[in-house]
Amino acid sequence: MSNEHGNDQSENEHDHADHERWLADHRTWRIEHSEMLASLRRIEAELYEHEADLLKHEQIIAAHEAFIARHEATHTEHVSQHQAHGDVGQQHEKLRKQHEAIYRKLSGLLDILNKQ
């Protein structure tokens, strides 16, 4: 066996090892890519759920406002409506916190992506 043939075989083994490593990297990257796509779908679903919550809350506020506008409140109705108003306010604060958390998460993700 010539020395040249031995070098070719050594280079081929080295190349084969590189290819195996590259394919292993590629498989890992594909898995990570699929996981990232799944995460994006979860984020998208969370955004749609938040959008639905915002629309429902908007309807509750509008209905509350319409009730107040239609009725001259007796004391009993006034107390009941004041309690309902407090409940709507609590829901509003809950939605504000939910919105801010989602916005922070997505803004952070966008910052990271924009730096690349």
N, C-alpha and C. Protein backbone atom coordinates (compact mmCIF):
# COMPACT_ATOMS: atom_id res chain seq x y z
N MET A 1 0.84 -1.17 0.00
CA MET A 1 0.00 0.00 0.00
C MET A 1 0.89 1.23 0.00
N SER A 2 0.58 2.15 -0.87
CA SER A 2 1.41 3.34 -0.96
C SER A 2 1.00 4.33 0.13
N ASN A 3 1.90 5.21 0.42
CA ASN A 3 1.65 6.24 1.42
C ASN A 3 0.51 7.16 0.97
N GLU A 4 0.47 7.41 -0.35
CA GLU A 4 -0.59 8.27 -0.89
C GLU A 4 -1.96 7.64 -0.67
N HIS A 5 -2.05 6.33 -0.87
CA HIS A 5 -3.32 5.64 -0.66
C HIS A 5 -3.73 5.70 0.81
N GLY A 6 -2.76 5.57 1.69
CA GLY A 6 -3.03 5.66 3.13
C GLY A 6 -3.53 7.03 3.51
N ASN A 7 -2.97 8.09 2.89
CA ASN A 7 -3.44 9.45 3.17
C ASN A 7 -4.85 9.64 2.67
N ASP A 8 -5.17 9.08 1.49
CA ASP A 8 -6.54 9.19 0.95
C ASP A 8 -7.53 8.52 1.89
N GLN A 9 -7.15 7.35 2.38
CA GLN A 9 -8.04 6.62 3.28
C GLN A 9 -8.24 7.41 4.57
N SER A 10 -7.18 7.99 5.09
CA SER A 10 -7.26 8.79 6.30
C SER A 10 -8.15 10.02 6.08
N GLU A 11 -7.98 10.67 4.93
CA GLU A 11 -8.83 11.83 4.60
C GLU A 11 -10.28 11.41 4.47
N ASN A 12 -10.52 10.26 3.84
CA ASN A 12 -11.89 9.77 3.69
C ASN A 12 -12.53 9.48 5.05
N GLU A 13 -11.75 8.87 5.94
CA GLU A 13 -12.26 8.60 7.29
C GLU A 13 -12.57 9.90 8.01
N HIS A 14 -11.68 10.87 7.86
CA HIS A 14 -11.90 12.18 8.47
C HIS A 14 -13.16 12.84 7.90
N ASP A 15 -13.28 12.79 6.57
CA ASP A 15 -14.47 13.36 5.92
C ASP A 15 -15.73 12.66 6.39
N HIS A 16 -15.68 11.33 6.47
CA HIS A 16 -16.83 10.55 6.93
C HIS A 16 -17.22 10.96 8.36
N ALA A 17 -16.23 11.12 9.22
CA ALA A 17 -16.49 11.54 10.60
C ALA A 17 -17.13 12.94 10.62
N ASP A 18 -16.63 13.85 9.76
CA ASP A 18 -17.24 15.19 9.66
C ASP A 18 -18.70 15.08 9.25
N HIS A 19 -18.97 14.26 8.24
CA HIS A 19 -20.34 14.12 7.74
C HIS A 19 -21.26 13.57 8.83
N GLU A 20 -20.79 12.59 9.57
CA GLU A 20 -21.59 12.03 10.67
C GLU A 20 -21.88 13.10 11.72
N ARG A 21 -20.88 13.89 12.06
CA ARG A 21 -21.06 14.97 13.04
C ARG A 21 -22.03 16.02 12.51
N TRP A 22 -21.87 16.38 11.24
CA TRP A 22 -22.76 17.38 10.64
C TRP A 22 -24.20 16.88 10.60
N LEU A 23 -24.38 15.60 10.26
CA LEU A 23 -25.74 15.04 10.23
C LEU A 23 -26.34 15.00 11.63
N ALA A 24 -25.54 14.68 12.62
CA ALA A 24 -26.02 14.69 14.01
C ALA A 24 -26.42 16.10 14.42
N ASP A 25 -25.58 17.08 14.06
CA ASP A 25 -25.93 18.48 14.33
C ASP A 25 -27.24 18.85 13.65
N HIS A 26 -27.36 18.46 12.40
CA HIS A 26 -28.55 18.79 11.62
C HIS A 26 -29.80 18.19 12.26
N ARG A 27 -29.72 16.93 12.70
CA ARG A 27 -30.87 16.30 13.37
C ARG A 27 -31.24 17.07 14.63
N THR A 28 -30.24 17.47 15.41
CA THR A 28 -30.49 18.24 16.63
C THR A 28 -31.15 19.57 16.29
N TRP A 29 -30.63 20.24 15.27
CA TRP A 29 -31.19 21.53 14.87
C TRP A 29 -32.62 21.39 14.39
N ARG A 30 -32.92 20.32 13.69
CA ARG A 30 -34.29 20.10 13.21
C ARG A 30 -35.25 19.90 14.39
N ILE A 31 -34.80 19.16 15.39
CA ILE A 31 -35.62 18.96 16.59
C ILE A 31 -35.84 20.30 17.29
N GLU A 32 -34.77 21.05 17.47
CA GLU A 32 -34.88 22.37 18.11
C GLU A 32 -35.79 23.29 17.31
N HIS A 33 -35.66 23.25 16.00
CA HIS A 33 -36.49 24.06 15.12
C HIS A 33 -37.97 23.69 15.30
N SER A 34 -38.26 22.41 15.33
CA SER A 34 -39.64 21.95 15.53
C SER A 34 -40.18 22.39 16.90
N GLU A 35 -39.32 22.32 17.90
CA GLU A 35 -39.73 22.77 19.24
C GLU A 35 -40.02 24.27 19.24
N MET A 36 -39.20 25.05 18.52
CA MET A 36 -39.44 26.48 18.44
C MET A 36 -40.74 26.78 17.71
N LEU A 37 -41.03 26.04 16.65
CA LEU A 37 -42.30 26.22 15.94
C LEU A 37 -43.48 25.90 16.86
N ALA A 38 -43.35 24.85 17.65
CA ALA A 38 -44.41 24.51 18.60
C ALA A 38 -44.58 25.62 19.63
N SER A 39 -43.47 26.19 20.08
CA SER A 39 -43.54 27.31 21.04
C SER A 39 -44.24 28.51 20.42
N LEU A 40 -43.94 28.78 19.16
CA LEU A 40 -44.61 29.88 18.48
C LEU A 40 -46.12 29.66 18.39
N ARG A 41 -46.52 28.42 18.15
CA ARG A 41 -47.95 28.11 18.09
C ARG A 41 -48.61 28.32 19.45
N ARG A 42 -47.89 27.96 20.53
CA ARG A 42 -48.44 28.19 21.87
C ARG A 42 -48.56 29.69 22.15
N ILE A 43 -47.54 30.46 21.73
CA ILE A 43 -47.59 31.91 21.90
C ILE A 43 -48.76 32.48 21.10
N GLU A 44 -48.91 32.01 19.87
CA GLU A 44 -50.01 32.48 19.03
C GLU A 44 -51.36 32.17 19.67
N ALA A 45 -51.50 30.96 20.22
CA ALA A 45 -52.75 30.59 20.88
C ALA A 45 -53.00 31.47 22.10
N GLU A 46 -51.93 31.77 22.86
CA GLU A 46 -52.07 32.63 24.03
C GLU A 46 -52.53 34.03 23.61
N LEU A 47 -51.98 34.53 22.49
CA LEU A 47 -52.39 35.85 22.00
C LEU A 47 -53.85 35.86 21.58
N TYR A 48 -54.30 34.81 20.89
CA TYR A 48 -55.71 34.74 20.49
C TYR A 48 -56.63 34.64 21.70
N GLU A 49 -56.23 33.88 22.71
CA GLU A 49 -57.04 33.79 23.93
C GLU A 49 -57.11 35.15 24.61
N HIS A 50 -55.98 35.85 24.65
CA HIS A 50 -55.95 37.18 25.25
C HIS A 50 -56.85 38.14 24.46
N GLU A 51 -56.81 38.05 23.14
CA GLU A 51 -57.67 38.89 22.30
C GLU A 51 -59.14 38.63 22.62
N ALA A 52 -59.51 37.37 22.77
CA ALA A 52 -60.89 37.02 23.10
C ALA A 52 -61.27 37.59 24.47
N ASP A 53 -60.36 37.48 25.45
CA ASP A 53 -60.62 38.04 26.78
C ASP A 53 -60.82 39.54 26.71
N LEU A 54 -60.00 40.21 25.90
CA LEU A 54 -60.14 41.67 25.75
C LEU A 54 -61.50 42.03 25.15
N LEU A 55 -61.92 41.29 24.13
CA LEU A 55 -63.21 41.57 23.50
C LEU A 55 -64.37 41.33 24.46
N LYS A 56 -64.30 40.24 25.23
CA LYS A 56 -65.34 39.95 26.23
C LYS A 56 -65.40 41.07 27.26
N HIS A 57 -64.24 41.49 27.72
CA HIS A 57 -64.18 42.55 28.72
C HIS A 57 -64.78 43.85 28.17
N GLU A 58 -64.47 44.14 26.93
CA GLU A 58 -65.02 45.33 26.29
C GLU A 58 -66.55 45.26 26.25
N GLN A 59 -67.09 44.09 25.96
CA GLN A 59 -68.56 43.92 25.95
C GLN A 59 -69.15 44.12 27.34
N ILE A 60 -68.48 43.61 28.36
CA ILE A 60 -68.96 43.78 29.74
C ILE A 60 -68.98 45.25 30.12
N ILE A 61 -67.92 45.97 29.78
CA ILE A 61 -67.86 47.41 30.08
C ILE A 61 -68.98 48.14 29.35
N ALA A 62 -69.18 47.82 28.07
CA ALA A 62 -70.24 48.48 27.30
C ALA A 62 -71.62 48.17 27.88
N ALA A 63 -71.86 46.93 28.28
CA ALA A 63 -73.15 46.56 28.87
C ALA A 63 -73.36 47.28 30.19
N HIS A 64 -72.32 47.38 30.99
CA HIS A 64 -72.41 48.09 32.27
C HIS A 64 -72.73 49.56 32.04
N GLU A 65 -72.04 50.14 31.08
CA GLU A 65 -72.28 51.55 30.76
C GLU A 65 -73.70 51.76 30.24
N ALA A 66 -74.18 50.84 29.39
CA ALA A 66 -75.54 50.94 28.85
C ALA A 66 -76.58 50.83 29.97
N PHE A 67 -76.35 49.94 30.92
CA PHE A 67 -77.30 49.79 32.03
C PHE A 67 -77.38 51.09 32.82
N ILE A 68 -76.25 51.67 33.12
CA ILE A 68 -76.23 52.91 33.89
C ILE A 68 -76.96 54.01 33.12
N ALA A 69 -76.73 54.07 31.82
CA ALA A 69 -77.36 55.11 30.99
C ALA A 69 -78.87 54.92 30.91
N ARG A 70 -79.37 53.67 30.93
CA ARG A 70 -80.81 53.39 30.77
C ARG A 70 -81.61 53.57 32.05
N HIS A 71 -81.00 53.38 33.16
CA HIS A 71 -81.78 53.34 34.41
C HIS A 71 -81.43 54.48 35.34
N GLU A 72 -82.46 55.01 35.89
CA GLU A 72 -82.23 55.92 37.00
C GLU A 72 -82.18 55.01 38.21
N ALA A 73 -81.03 54.88 38.77
CA ALA A 73 -80.81 53.87 39.79
C ALA A 73 -81.50 54.24 41.10
N THR A 74 -82.23 53.25 41.62
CA THR A 74 -82.69 53.38 43.00
C THR A 74 -81.48 53.06 43.86
N HIS A 75 -81.64 53.25 45.13
CA HIS A 75 -80.50 52.99 46.01
C HIS A 75 -80.04 51.54 45.89
N THR A 76 -80.98 50.60 45.85
CA THR A 76 -80.63 49.18 45.74
C THR A 76 -79.92 48.91 44.43
N GLU A 77 -80.47 49.45 43.33
CA GLU A 77 -79.83 49.25 42.04
C GLU A 77 -78.45 49.90 42.03
N HIS A 78 -78.36 51.04 42.68
CA HIS A 78 -77.09 51.74 42.71
C HIS A 78 -76.03 50.91 43.42
N VAL A 79 -76.39 50.33 44.57
CA VAL A 79 -75.44 49.50 45.32
C VAL A 79 -75.03 48.29 44.48
N SER A 80 -76.01 47.66 43.82
CA SER A 80 -75.74 46.50 42.98
C SER A 80 -74.82 46.88 41.82
N GLN A 81 -75.11 48.01 41.19
CA GLN A 81 -74.30 48.45 40.07
C GLN A 81 -72.90 48.87 40.51
N HIS A 82 -72.83 49.44 41.72
CA HIS A 82 -71.51 49.81 42.23
C HIS A 82 -70.66 48.56 42.45
N GLN A 83 -71.28 47.48 42.97
CA GLN A 83 -70.57 46.22 43.15
C GLN A 83 -70.14 45.66 41.79
N ALA A 84 -71.06 45.69 40.80
CA ALA A 84 -70.74 45.21 39.46
C ALA A 84 -69.59 46.02 38.87
N HIS A 85 -69.62 47.32 39.13
CA HIS A 85 -68.55 48.19 38.64
C HIS A 85 -67.21 47.77 39.24
N GLY A 86 -67.20 47.46 40.52
CA GLY A 86 -65.98 46.99 41.18
C GLY A 86 -65.50 45.68 40.58
N ASP A 87 -66.42 44.77 40.28
CA ASP A 87 -66.05 43.50 39.66
C ASP A 87 -65.43 43.71 38.28
N VAL A 88 -66.02 44.62 37.50
CA VAL A 88 -65.48 44.92 36.18
C VAL A 88 -64.09 45.54 36.32
N GLY A 89 -63.92 46.38 37.32
CA GLY A 89 -62.60 46.99 37.56
C GLY A 89 -61.56 45.95 37.92
N GLN A 90 -61.93 44.97 38.74
CA GLN A 90 -61.00 43.89 39.08
C GLN A 90 -60.64 43.07 37.84
N GLN A 91 -61.64 42.79 37.03
CA GLN A 91 -61.37 42.04 35.79
C GLN A 91 -60.45 42.85 34.88
N HIS A 92 -60.67 44.15 34.85
CA HIS A 92 -59.85 45.03 34.02
C HIS A 92 -58.38 44.97 34.48
N GLU A 93 -58.15 45.02 35.78
CA GLU A 93 -56.79 44.96 36.29
C GLU A 93 -56.15 43.61 36.01
N LYS A 94 -56.94 42.53 36.10
CA LYS A 94 -56.43 41.20 35.78
C LYS A 94 -55.99 41.15 34.32
N LEU A 95 -56.82 41.69 33.42
CA LEU A 95 -56.48 41.71 32.00
C LEU A 95 -55.27 42.60 31.73
N ARG A 96 -55.15 43.69 32.46
CA ARG A 96 -53.99 44.58 32.30
C ARG A 96 -52.71 43.81 32.62
N LYS A 97 -52.71 43.09 33.74
CA LYS A 97 -51.53 42.32 34.14
C LYS A 97 -51.23 41.22 33.12
N GLN A 98 -52.29 40.55 32.64
CA GLN A 98 -52.11 39.50 31.63
C GLN A 98 -51.50 40.10 30.37
N HIS A 99 -52.04 41.22 29.94
CA HIS A 99 -51.55 41.88 28.73
C HIS A 99 -50.08 42.30 28.89
N GLU A 100 -49.77 42.90 30.03
CA GLU A 100 -48.40 43.36 30.25
C GLU A 100 -47.42 42.19 30.27
N ALA A 101 -47.82 41.05 30.86
CA ALA A 101 -46.94 39.88 30.90
C ALA A 101 -46.69 39.34 29.49
N ILE A 102 -47.74 39.24 28.70
CA ILE A 102 -47.60 38.75 27.33
C ILE A 102 -46.74 39.72 26.52
N TYR A 103 -47.00 41.00 26.68
CA TYR A 103 -46.26 42.01 25.93
C TYR A 103 -44.77 41.97 26.29
N ARG A 104 -44.46 41.83 27.59
CA ARG A 104 -43.06 41.75 28.02
C ARG A 104 -42.37 40.53 27.41
N LYS A 105 -43.06 39.36 27.45
CA LYS A 105 -42.47 38.14 26.90
C LYS A 105 -42.17 38.30 25.41
N LEU A 106 -43.15 38.79 24.67
CA LEU A 106 -42.96 38.91 23.23
C LEU A 106 -41.97 40.02 22.88
N SER A 107 -41.97 41.10 23.62
CA SER A 107 -40.99 42.16 23.37
C SER A 107 -39.58 41.66 23.61
N GLY A 108 -39.41 40.89 24.68
CA GLY A 108 -38.09 40.30 24.95
C GLY A 108 -37.66 39.37 23.83
N LEU A 109 -38.58 38.56 23.37
CA LEU A 109 -38.27 37.64 22.26
C LEU A 109 -37.91 38.43 21.00
N LEU A 110 -38.67 39.46 20.70
CA LEU A 110 -38.35 40.29 19.53
C LEU A 110 -37.00 40.97 19.66
N ASP A 111 -36.67 41.44 20.86
CA ASP A 111 -35.35 42.06 21.09
C ASP A 111 -34.25 41.07 20.77
N ILE A 112 -34.41 39.85 21.25
CA ILE A 112 -33.40 38.82 21.01
C ILE A 112 -33.29 38.53 19.52
N LEU A 113 -34.41 38.38 18.85
CA LEU A 113 -34.40 38.08 17.42
C LEU A 113 -33.83 39.22 16.60
N ASN A 114 -34.10 40.44 16.99
CA ASN A 114 -33.61 41.59 16.24
C ASN A 114 -32.10 41.80 16.40
N LYS A 115 -31.50 41.26 17.44
CA LYS A 115 -30.07 41.40 17.66
C LYS A 115 -29.27 40.45 16.78
N GLN A 116 -29.93 39.47 16.21
CA GLN A 116 -29.21 38.48 15.39
C GLN A 116 -28.98 38.99 13.99
